[in-house]
Amino acid sequence: MTEVVIGIDVGTTSVKAVALDLRGRLVSQGRSAMAWTTCPSGAEADPEDFVSAALAAAHGATADVHDAQVLGLGVASIGETGVLLDRRGVPVAPCVAWHDHRGAEAARDAVATMGRERFAQITGLPPSAGWSAFTYRWLVEHQPGARDGVWWLSVAEWIVHRLGGARVSELSLASRTAFLDVPAGAVSDDMLSWAGAPAGLLGELVPAGTPVGTVDARRA
């Protein structure tokens, strides 16, 4: 039996996975292409396609490993793209690509409402169209069903949750949403209020590497 841990990296064009032994040595690796639908503002994807690609890459990373026993799984991803879920944990909107510019009008409104300096003080970010807060507001205003969304997870957090983990927000990924008050290390009430978002939109804030559950074999 070969004991391994798997690391998954969700990128824009593909999902990569590596299997490492317990000394950190590379055992095998896998890759799966990501499917996006292009649109005038950029691109979007089905949330389930991220899960499928992650699982395909992970299975590929262990396909040539004799009698592999996976002891741990970690996921990293693009930070701005996210998944909006309803109270049942079901996605209610497509995932908008980080480079999509449909949040541009919301970015301008945020600057007009709170000022560029105040926005930067809270988020540590320039008011770029791609931040999750701007995408969220666009979705709620334009996407049928998005008003039922109460939880926002980054792609990595979504994959972890979808496979059986807790609903959490990893700090570095949360910092790319523009919902995080970076100096305070907490979700910003000002940004939630501006976006018209519920107080519990982000999950519990945790640092990278925090164990958040066990993979449910029925979902993998």
C-alpha atoms as a PDB file:
ATOM      1  CA  MET A   1       0.000   0.000   0.000  1.00  0.00           C
ATOM      2  CA  THR A   2       1.318   3.445  -0.959  1.00  0.00           C
ATOM      3  CA  GLU A   3       0.298   6.264   1.383  1.00  0.00           C
ATOM      4  CA  VAL A   4      -0.010   9.609  -0.402  1.00  0.00           C
ATOM      5  CA  VAL A   5      -1.385  13.087  -0.013  1.00  0.00           C
ATOM      6  CA  ILE A   6      -2.902  14.897  -2.985  1.00  0.00           C
ATOM      7  CA  GLY A   7      -2.626  18.559  -3.853  1.00  0.00           C
ATOM      8  CA  ILE A   8      -5.016  20.068  -6.397  1.00  0.00           C
ATOM      9  CA  ASP A   9      -4.453  23.403  -8.142  1.00  0.00           C
ATOM     10  CA  VAL A  10      -7.460  24.820  -9.987  1.00  0.00           C
ATOM     11  CA  GLY A  11      -6.296  27.188 -12.716  1.00  0.00           C
ATOM     12  CA  THR A  12      -8.088  28.985 -15.495  1.00  0.00           C
ATOM     13  CA  THR A  13      -7.288  26.560 -18.300  1.00  0.00           C
ATOM     14  CA  SER A  14      -6.770  23.308 -16.398  1.00  0.00           C
ATOM     15  CA  VAL A  15      -6.807  21.600 -13.024  1.00  0.00           C
ATOM     16  CA  LYS A  16      -3.529  20.001 -11.943  1.00  0.00           C
ATOM     17  CA  ALA A  17      -3.036  17.395  -9.226  1.00  0.00           C
ATOM     18  CA  VAL A  18       0.026  15.812  -7.654  1.00  0.00           C
ATOM     19  CA  ALA A  19       0.337  12.794  -5.399  1.00  0.00           C
ATOM     20  CA  LEU A  20       3.174  13.034  -2.879  1.00  0.00           C
ATOM     21  CA  ASP A  21       4.494  10.436  -0.491  1.00  0.00           C
ATOM     22  CA  LEU A  22       4.770  11.225   3.199  1.00  0.00           C
ATOM     23  CA  ARG A  23       8.298  12.572   2.683  1.00  0.00           C
ATOM     24  CA  GLY A  24       7.006  15.116   0.175  1.00  0.00           C
ATOM     25  CA  ARG A  25       8.390  13.329  -2.876  1.00  0.00           C
ATOM     26  CA  LEU A  26       6.431  13.389  -6.116  1.00  0.00           C
ATOM     27  CA  VAL A  27       4.799  10.044  -6.834  1.00  0.00           C
ATOM     28  CA  SER A  28       2.551  10.891  -9.778  1.00  0.00           C
ATOM     29  CA  GLN A  29       0.516  13.691 -11.277  1.00  0.00           C
ATOM     30  CA  GLY A  30      -2.671  14.292 -13.233  1.00  0.00           C
ATOM     31  CA  ARG A  31      -4.341  17.054 -15.210  1.00  0.00           C
ATOM     32  CA  SER A  32      -7.816  17.827 -16.514  1.00  0.00           C
ATOM     33  CA  ALA A  33      -8.933  20.629 -18.817  1.00  0.00           C
ATOM     34  CA  MET A  34     -11.433  23.215 -17.522  1.00  0.00           C
ATOM     35  CA  ALA A  35     -14.515  23.955 -19.582  1.00  0.00           C
ATOM     36  CA  TRP A  36     -15.616  27.585 -19.929  1.00  0.00           C
ATOM     37  CA  THR A  37     -18.430  29.181 -21.922  1.00  0.00           C
ATOM     38  CA  THR A  38     -17.386  32.412 -23.573  1.00  0.00           C
ATOM     39  CA  CYS A  39     -19.704  35.414 -23.486  1.00  0.00           C
ATOM     40  CA  PRO A  40     -19.411  39.080 -24.492  1.00  0.00           C
ATOM     41  CA  SER A  41     -18.069  40.116 -21.070  1.00  0.00           C
ATOM     42  CA  GLY A  42     -15.580  37.253 -20.752  1.00  0.00           C
ATOM     43  CA  ALA A  43     -16.437  33.711 -19.662  1.00  0.00           C
ATOM     44  CA  GLU A  44     -18.389  31.623 -17.165  1.00  0.00           C
ATOM     45  CA  ALA A  45     -18.498  28.005 -16.045  1.00  0.00           C
ATOM     46  CA  ASP A  46     -20.832  25.526 -14.404  1.00  0.00           C
ATOM     47  CA  PRO A  47     -19.816  25.071 -10.734  1.00  0.00           C
ATOM     48  CA  GLU A  48     -20.070  21.285 -11.085  1.00  0.00           C
ATOM     49  CA  ASP A  49     -17.510  21.352 -13.899  1.00  0.00           C
ATOM     50  CA  PHE A  50     -14.866  22.497 -11.403  1.00  0.00           C
ATOM     51  CA  VAL A  51     -15.655  19.508  -9.190  1.00  0.00           C
ATOM     52  CA  SER A  52     -15.552  17.096 -12.110  1.00  0.00           C
ATOM     53  CA  ALA A  53     -12.227  18.466 -13.346  1.00  0.00           C
ATOM     54  CA  ALA A  54     -10.717  18.341  -9.846  1.00  0.00           C
ATOM     55  CA  LEU A  55     -11.777  14.732  -9.365  1.00  0.00           C
ATOM     56  CA  ALA A  56     -10.500  13.766 -12.813  1.00  0.00           C
ATOM     57  CA  ALA A  57      -7.113  15.314 -12.066  1.00  0.00           C
ATOM     58  CA  ALA A  58      -6.944  13.666  -8.632  1.00  0.00           C
ATOM     59  CA  HIS A  59      -7.852  10.250 -10.007  1.00  0.00           C
ATOM     60  CA  GLY A  60      -5.255  10.768 -12.736  1.00  0.00           C
ATOM     61  CA  ALA A  61      -2.619  11.469 -10.097  1.00  0.00           C
ATOM     62  CA  THR A  62      -3.229   8.078  -8.483  1.00  0.00           C
ATOM     63  CA  ALA A  63      -4.010   6.020 -11.573  1.00  0.00           C
ATOM     64  CA  ASP A  64      -0.498   4.569 -11.783  1.00  0.00           C
ATOM     65  CA  VAL A  65       0.035   4.239  -8.031  1.00  0.00           C
ATOM     66  CA  HIS A  66      -0.297   0.658  -6.839  1.00  0.00           C
ATOM     67  CA  ASP A  67      -2.839   0.310  -4.053  1.00  0.00           C
ATOM     68  CA  ALA A  68      -2.820   4.030  -3.186  1.00  0.00           C
ATOM     69  CA  GLN A  69      -4.189   5.157   0.157  1.00  0.00           C
ATOM     70  CA  VAL A  70      -4.961   8.880   0.162  1.00  0.00           C
ATOM     71  CA  LEU A  71      -4.391  10.337   3.628  1.00  0.00           C
ATOM     72  CA  GLY A  72      -5.025  13.979   2.838  1.00  0.00           C
ATOM     73  CA  LEU A  73      -6.294  16.331   0.152  1.00  0.00           C
ATOM     74  CA  GLY A  74      -5.594  20.029  -0.300  1.00  0.00           C
ATOM     75  CA  VAL A  75      -7.059  22.408  -2.883  1.00  0.00           C
ATOM     76  CA  ALA A  76      -5.828  25.774  -4.155  1.00  0.00           C
ATOM     77  CA  SER A  77      -7.558  27.905  -6.765  1.00  0.00           C
ATOM     78  CA  ILE A  78      -8.075  31.214  -8.457  1.00  0.00           C
ATOM     79  CA  GLY A  79      -9.434  33.555  -5.804  1.00  0.00           C
ATOM     80  CA  GLU A  80     -11.856  35.937  -7.482  1.00  0.00           C
ATOM     81  CA  THR A  81     -14.081  33.370  -9.177  1.00  0.00           C
ATOM     82  CA  GLY A  82     -16.652  31.955  -6.803  1.00  0.00           C
ATOM     83  CA  VAL A  83     -19.817  29.941  -6.370  1.00  0.00           C
ATOM     84  CA  LEU A  84     -23.073  31.410  -5.034  1.00  0.00           C
ATOM     85  CA  LEU A  85     -25.153  28.867  -3.079  1.00  0.00           C
ATOM     86  CA  ASP A  86     -28.665  28.879  -1.688  1.00  0.00           C
ATOM     87  CA  ARG A  87     -29.591  27.674   1.822  1.00  0.00           C
ATOM     88  CA  ARG A  88     -29.617  24.066   0.606  1.00  0.00           C
ATOM     89  CA  GLY A  89     -26.026  24.411  -0.620  1.00  0.00           C
ATOM     90  CA  VAL A  90     -27.090  24.325  -4.273  1.00  0.00           C
ATOM     91  CA  PRO A  91     -25.439  26.711  -6.789  1.00  0.00           C
ATOM     92  CA  VAL A  92     -27.819  29.374  -8.061  1.00  0.00           C
ATOM     93  CA  ALA A  93     -25.618  31.039 -10.668  1.00  0.00           C
ATOM     94  CA  PRO A  94     -22.715  30.272 -12.986  1.00  0.00           C
ATOM     95  CA  CYS A  95     -19.117  30.898 -11.933  1.00  0.00           C
ATOM     96  CA  VAL A  96     -17.898  34.134 -13.509  1.00  0.00           C
ATOM     97  CA  ALA A  97     -14.274  34.101 -14.668  1.00  0.00           C
ATOM     98  CA  TRP A  98     -11.801  36.314 -12.801  1.00  0.00           C
ATOM     99  CA  HIS A  99     -11.052  38.225 -16.013  1.00  0.00           C
ATOM    100  CA  ASP A 100     -14.722  38.838 -16.861  1.00  0.00           C
ATOM    101  CA  HIS A 101     -15.639  42.541 -16.769  1.00  0.00           C
ATOM    102  CA  ARG A 102     -19.359  42.369 -15.995  1.00  0.00           C
ATOM    103  CA  GLY A 103     -18.627  43.774 -12.513  1.00  0.00           C
ATOM    104  CA  ALA A 104     -17.216  47.029 -13.916  1.00  0.00           C
ATOM    105  CA  GLU A 105     -20.353  49.085 -13.232  1.00  0.00           C
ATOM    106  CA  ALA A 106     -20.497  47.801  -9.644  1.00  0.00           C
ATOM    107  CA  ALA A 107     -16.840  48.764  -9.179  1.00  0.00           C
ATOM    108  CA  ARG A 108     -17.601  52.307 -10.270  1.00  0.00           C
ATOM    109  CA  ASP A 109     -20.583  52.429  -7.932  1.00  0.00           C
ATOM    110  CA  ALA A 110     -18.466  51.271  -4.978  1.00  0.00           C
ATOM    111  CA  VAL A 111     -15.985  54.088  -5.615  1.00  0.00           C
ATOM    112  CA  ALA A 112     -18.808  56.623  -5.970  1.00  0.00           C
ATOM    113  CA  THR A 113     -20.505  55.382  -2.792  1.00  0.00           C
ATOM    114  CA  MET A 114     -17.602  54.961  -0.360  1.00  0.00           C
ATOM    115  CA  GLY A 115     -14.697  56.577  -2.146  1.00  0.00           C
ATOM    116  CA  ARG A 116     -11.586  55.006  -3.638  1.00  0.00           C
ATOM    117  CA  GLU A 117      -9.513  55.607  -0.500  1.00  0.00           C
ATOM    118  CA  ARG A 118     -12.064  54.044   1.847  1.00  0.00           C
ATOM    119  CA  PHE A 119     -12.455  51.026  -0.424  1.00  0.00           C
ATOM    120  CA  ALA A 120      -8.681  50.537  -0.448  1.00  0.00           C
ATOM    121  CA  GLN A 121      -8.477  50.947   3.341  1.00  0.00           C
ATOM    122  CA  ILE A 122     -11.008  48.163   3.850  1.00  0.00           C
ATOM    123  CA  THR A 123      -9.995  45.682   1.181  1.00  0.00           C
ATOM    124  CA  GLY A 124      -6.369  46.498   0.392  1.00  0.00           C
ATOM    125  CA  LEU A 125      -7.367  46.313  -3.284  1.00  0.00           C
ATOM    126  CA  PRO A 126      -7.860  48.683  -6.212  1.00  0.00           C
ATOM    127  CA  PRO A 127     -11.486  48.809  -7.452  1.00  0.00           C
ATOM    128  CA  SER A 128     -11.076  46.292 -10.300  1.00  0.00           C
ATOM    129  CA  ALA A 129     -14.111  44.767 -12.037  1.00  0.00           C
ATOM    130  CA  GLY A 130     -13.106  41.182 -11.264  1.00  0.00           C
ATOM    131  CA  TRP A 131     -13.387  41.137  -7.470  1.00  0.00           C
ATOM    132  CA  SER A 132     -16.057  38.780  -6.136  1.00  0.00           C
ATOM    133  CA  ALA A 133     -18.088  41.523  -4.427  1.00  0.00           C
ATOM    134  CA  PHE A 134     -18.666  43.224  -7.766  1.00  0.00           C
ATOM    135  CA  THR A 135     -19.516  39.938  -9.486  1.00  0.00           C
ATOM    136  CA  TYR A 136     -21.910  39.071  -6.650  1.00  0.00           C
ATOM    137  CA  ARG A 137     -23.773  42.351  -7.060  1.00  0.00           C
ATOM    138  CA  TRP A 138     -24.009  41.875 -10.816  1.00  0.00           C
ATOM    139  CA  LEU A 139     -25.351  38.340 -10.394  1.00  0.00           C
ATOM    140  CA  VAL A 140     -28.009  39.409  -7.891  1.00  0.00           C
ATOM    141  CA  GLU A 141     -29.132  42.225 -10.175  1.00  0.00           C
ATOM    142  CA  HIS A 142     -29.073  40.304 -13.469  1.00  0.00           C
ATOM    143  CA  GLN A 143     -29.057  36.529 -12.961  1.00  0.00           C
ATOM    144  CA  PRO A 144     -32.395  34.751 -12.386  1.00  0.00           C
ATOM    145  CA  GLY A 145     -32.311  32.866  -9.100  1.00  0.00           C
ATOM    146  CA  ALA A 146     -29.208  34.599  -7.754  1.00  0.00           C
ATOM    147  CA  ARG A 147     -31.254  36.485  -5.151  1.00  0.00           C
ATOM    148  CA  ASP A 148     -31.689  33.124  -3.416  1.00  0.00           C
ATOM    149  CA  GLY A 149     -27.940  32.946  -2.884  1.00  0.00           C
ATOM    150  CA  VAL A 150     -26.812  33.260   0.738  1.00  0.00           C
ATOM    151  CA  TRP A 151     -23.290  31.739   0.692  1.00  0.00           C
ATOM    152  CA  TRP A 152     -20.257  32.590  -1.402  1.00  0.00           C
ATOM    153  CA  LEU A 153     -17.359  30.147  -1.733  1.00  0.00           C
ATOM    154  CA  SER A 154     -14.218  30.454  -3.811  1.00  0.00           C
ATOM    155  CA  VAL A 155     -13.652  27.628  -6.276  1.00  0.00           C
ATOM    156  CA  ALA A 156     -11.270  25.780  -3.924  1.00  0.00           C
ATOM    157  CA  GLU A 157     -13.656  26.193  -0.993  1.00  0.00           C
ATOM    158  CA  TRP A 158     -16.539  24.982  -3.151  1.00  0.00           C
ATOM    159  CA  ILE A 159     -14.668  21.823  -4.191  1.00  0.00           C
ATOM    160  CA  VAL A 160     -13.751  21.070  -0.572  1.00  0.00           C
ATOM    161  CA  HIS A 161     -17.339  21.651   0.558  1.00  0.00           C
ATOM    162  CA  ARG A 162     -18.796  19.683  -2.326  1.00  0.00           C
ATOM    163  CA  LEU A 163     -16.638  16.688  -1.396  1.00  0.00           C
ATOM    164  CA  GLY A 164     -17.797  16.711   2.215  1.00  0.00           C
ATOM    165  CA  GLY A 165     -15.819  19.462   3.954  1.00  0.00           C
ATOM    166  CA  ALA A 166     -17.161  22.330   6.038  1.00  0.00           C
ATOM    167  CA  ARG A 167     -18.195  25.624   4.483  1.00  0.00           C
ATOM    168  CA  VAL A 168     -15.232  27.891   5.252  1.00  0.00           C
ATOM    169  CA  SER A 169     -13.452  30.887   3.733  1.00  0.00           C
ATOM    170  CA  GLU A 170      -9.682  30.612   3.570  1.00  0.00           C
ATOM    171  CA  LEU A 171      -8.119  33.972   4.419  1.00  0.00           C
ATOM    172  CA  SER A 172      -5.943  34.467   1.352  1.00  0.00           C
ATOM    173  CA  LEU A 173      -8.818  33.585  -0.969  1.00  0.00           C
ATOM    174  CA  ALA A 174     -11.226  35.752   1.033  1.00  0.00           C
ATOM    175  CA  SER A 175      -8.850  38.682   0.571  1.00  0.00           C
ATOM    176  CA  ARG A 176      -9.510  38.473  -3.185  1.00  0.00           C
ATOM    177  CA  THR A 177     -13.269  38.841  -2.800  1.00  0.00           C
ATOM    178  CA  ALA A 178     -13.322  42.500  -1.606  1.00  0.00           C
ATOM    179  CA  PHE A 179     -15.651  41.325   1.173  1.00  0.00           C
ATOM    180  CA  LEU A 180     -12.784  41.040   3.667  1.00  0.00           C
ATOM    181  CA  ASP A 181     -11.758  43.894   5.942  1.00  0.00           C
ATOM    182  CA  VAL A 182      -8.071  43.058   5.634  1.00  0.00           C
ATOM    183  CA  PRO A 183      -6.721  45.171   8.537  1.00  0.00           C
ATOM    184  CA  ALA A 184      -9.393  43.765  10.865  1.00  0.00           C
ATOM    185  CA  GLY A 185      -9.107  40.200   9.590  1.00  0.00           C
ATOM    186  CA  ALA A 186     -12.897  39.974   9.456  1.00  0.00           C
ATOM    187  CA  VAL A 187     -15.711  40.184   6.954  1.00  0.00           C
ATOM    188  CA  SER A 188     -16.495  43.823   6.176  1.00  0.00           C
ATOM    189  CA  ASP A 189     -19.973  44.946   7.219  1.00  0.00           C
ATOM    190  CA  ASP A 190     -19.543  48.001   4.979  1.00  0.00           C
ATOM    191  CA  MET A 191     -18.910  45.882   1.887  1.00  0.00           C
ATOM    192  CA  LEU A 192     -21.733  43.470   2.689  1.00  0.00           C
ATOM    193  CA  SER A 193     -24.085  46.411   3.161  1.00  0.00           C
ATOM    194  CA  TRP A 194     -22.980  48.055  -0.079  1.00  0.00           C
ATOM    195  CA  ALA A 195     -23.479  44.801  -2.011  1.00  0.00           C
ATOM    196  CA  GLY A 196     -26.822  44.056  -0.348  1.00  0.00           C
ATOM    197  CA  ALA A 197     -25.419  40.721   0.824  1.00  0.00           C
ATOM    198  CA  PRO A 198     -26.460  38.691   3.897  1.00  0.00           C
ATOM    199  CA  ALA A 199     -24.232  38.751   6.975  1.00  0.00           C
ATOM    200  CA  GLY A 200     -23.212  35.107   6.633  1.00  0.00           C
ATOM    201  CA  LEU A 201     -22.197  35.284   2.970  1.00  0.00           C
ATOM    202  CA  LEU A 202     -18.649  34.096   3.641  1.00  0.00           C
ATOM    203  CA  GLY A 203     -17.948  31.046   5.744  1.00  0.00           C
ATOM    204  CA  GLU A 204     -15.830  30.861   8.872  1.00  0.00           C
ATOM    205  CA  LEU A 205     -12.471  32.519   8.147  1.00  0.00           C
ATOM    206  CA  VAL A 206      -9.599  30.039   8.460  1.00  0.00           C
ATOM    207  CA  PRO A 207      -5.885  30.110   7.546  1.00  0.00           C
ATOM    208  CA  ALA A 208      -4.540  27.928   4.758  1.00  0.00           C
ATOM    209  CA  GLY A 209      -3.904  24.333   5.785  1.00  0.00           C
ATOM    210  CA  THR A 210      -6.727  24.169   8.334  1.00  0.00           C
ATOM    211  CA  PRO A 211      -8.365  20.706   8.347  1.00  0.00           C
ATOM    212  CA  VAL A 212     -12.037  21.181   7.497  1.00  0.00           C
ATOM    213  CA  GLY A 213     -13.422  17.668   7.247  1.00  0.00           C
ATOM    214  CA  THR A 214     -13.196  14.291   5.581  1.00  0.00           C
ATOM    215  CA  VAL A 215     -13.914  13.489   1.956  1.00  0.00           C
ATOM    216  CA  ASP A 216     -17.198  11.658   1.540  1.00  0.00           C
ATOM    217  CA  ALA A 217     -16.362   8.698  -0.727  1.00  0.00           C
ATOM    218  CA  ARG A 218     -19.867   8.842  -2.191  1.00  0.00           C
ATOM    219  CA  ARG A 219     -19.067  12.294  -3.609  1.00  0.00           C
ATOM    220  CA  ALA A 220     -15.648  11.377  -4.986  1.00  0.00           C
END
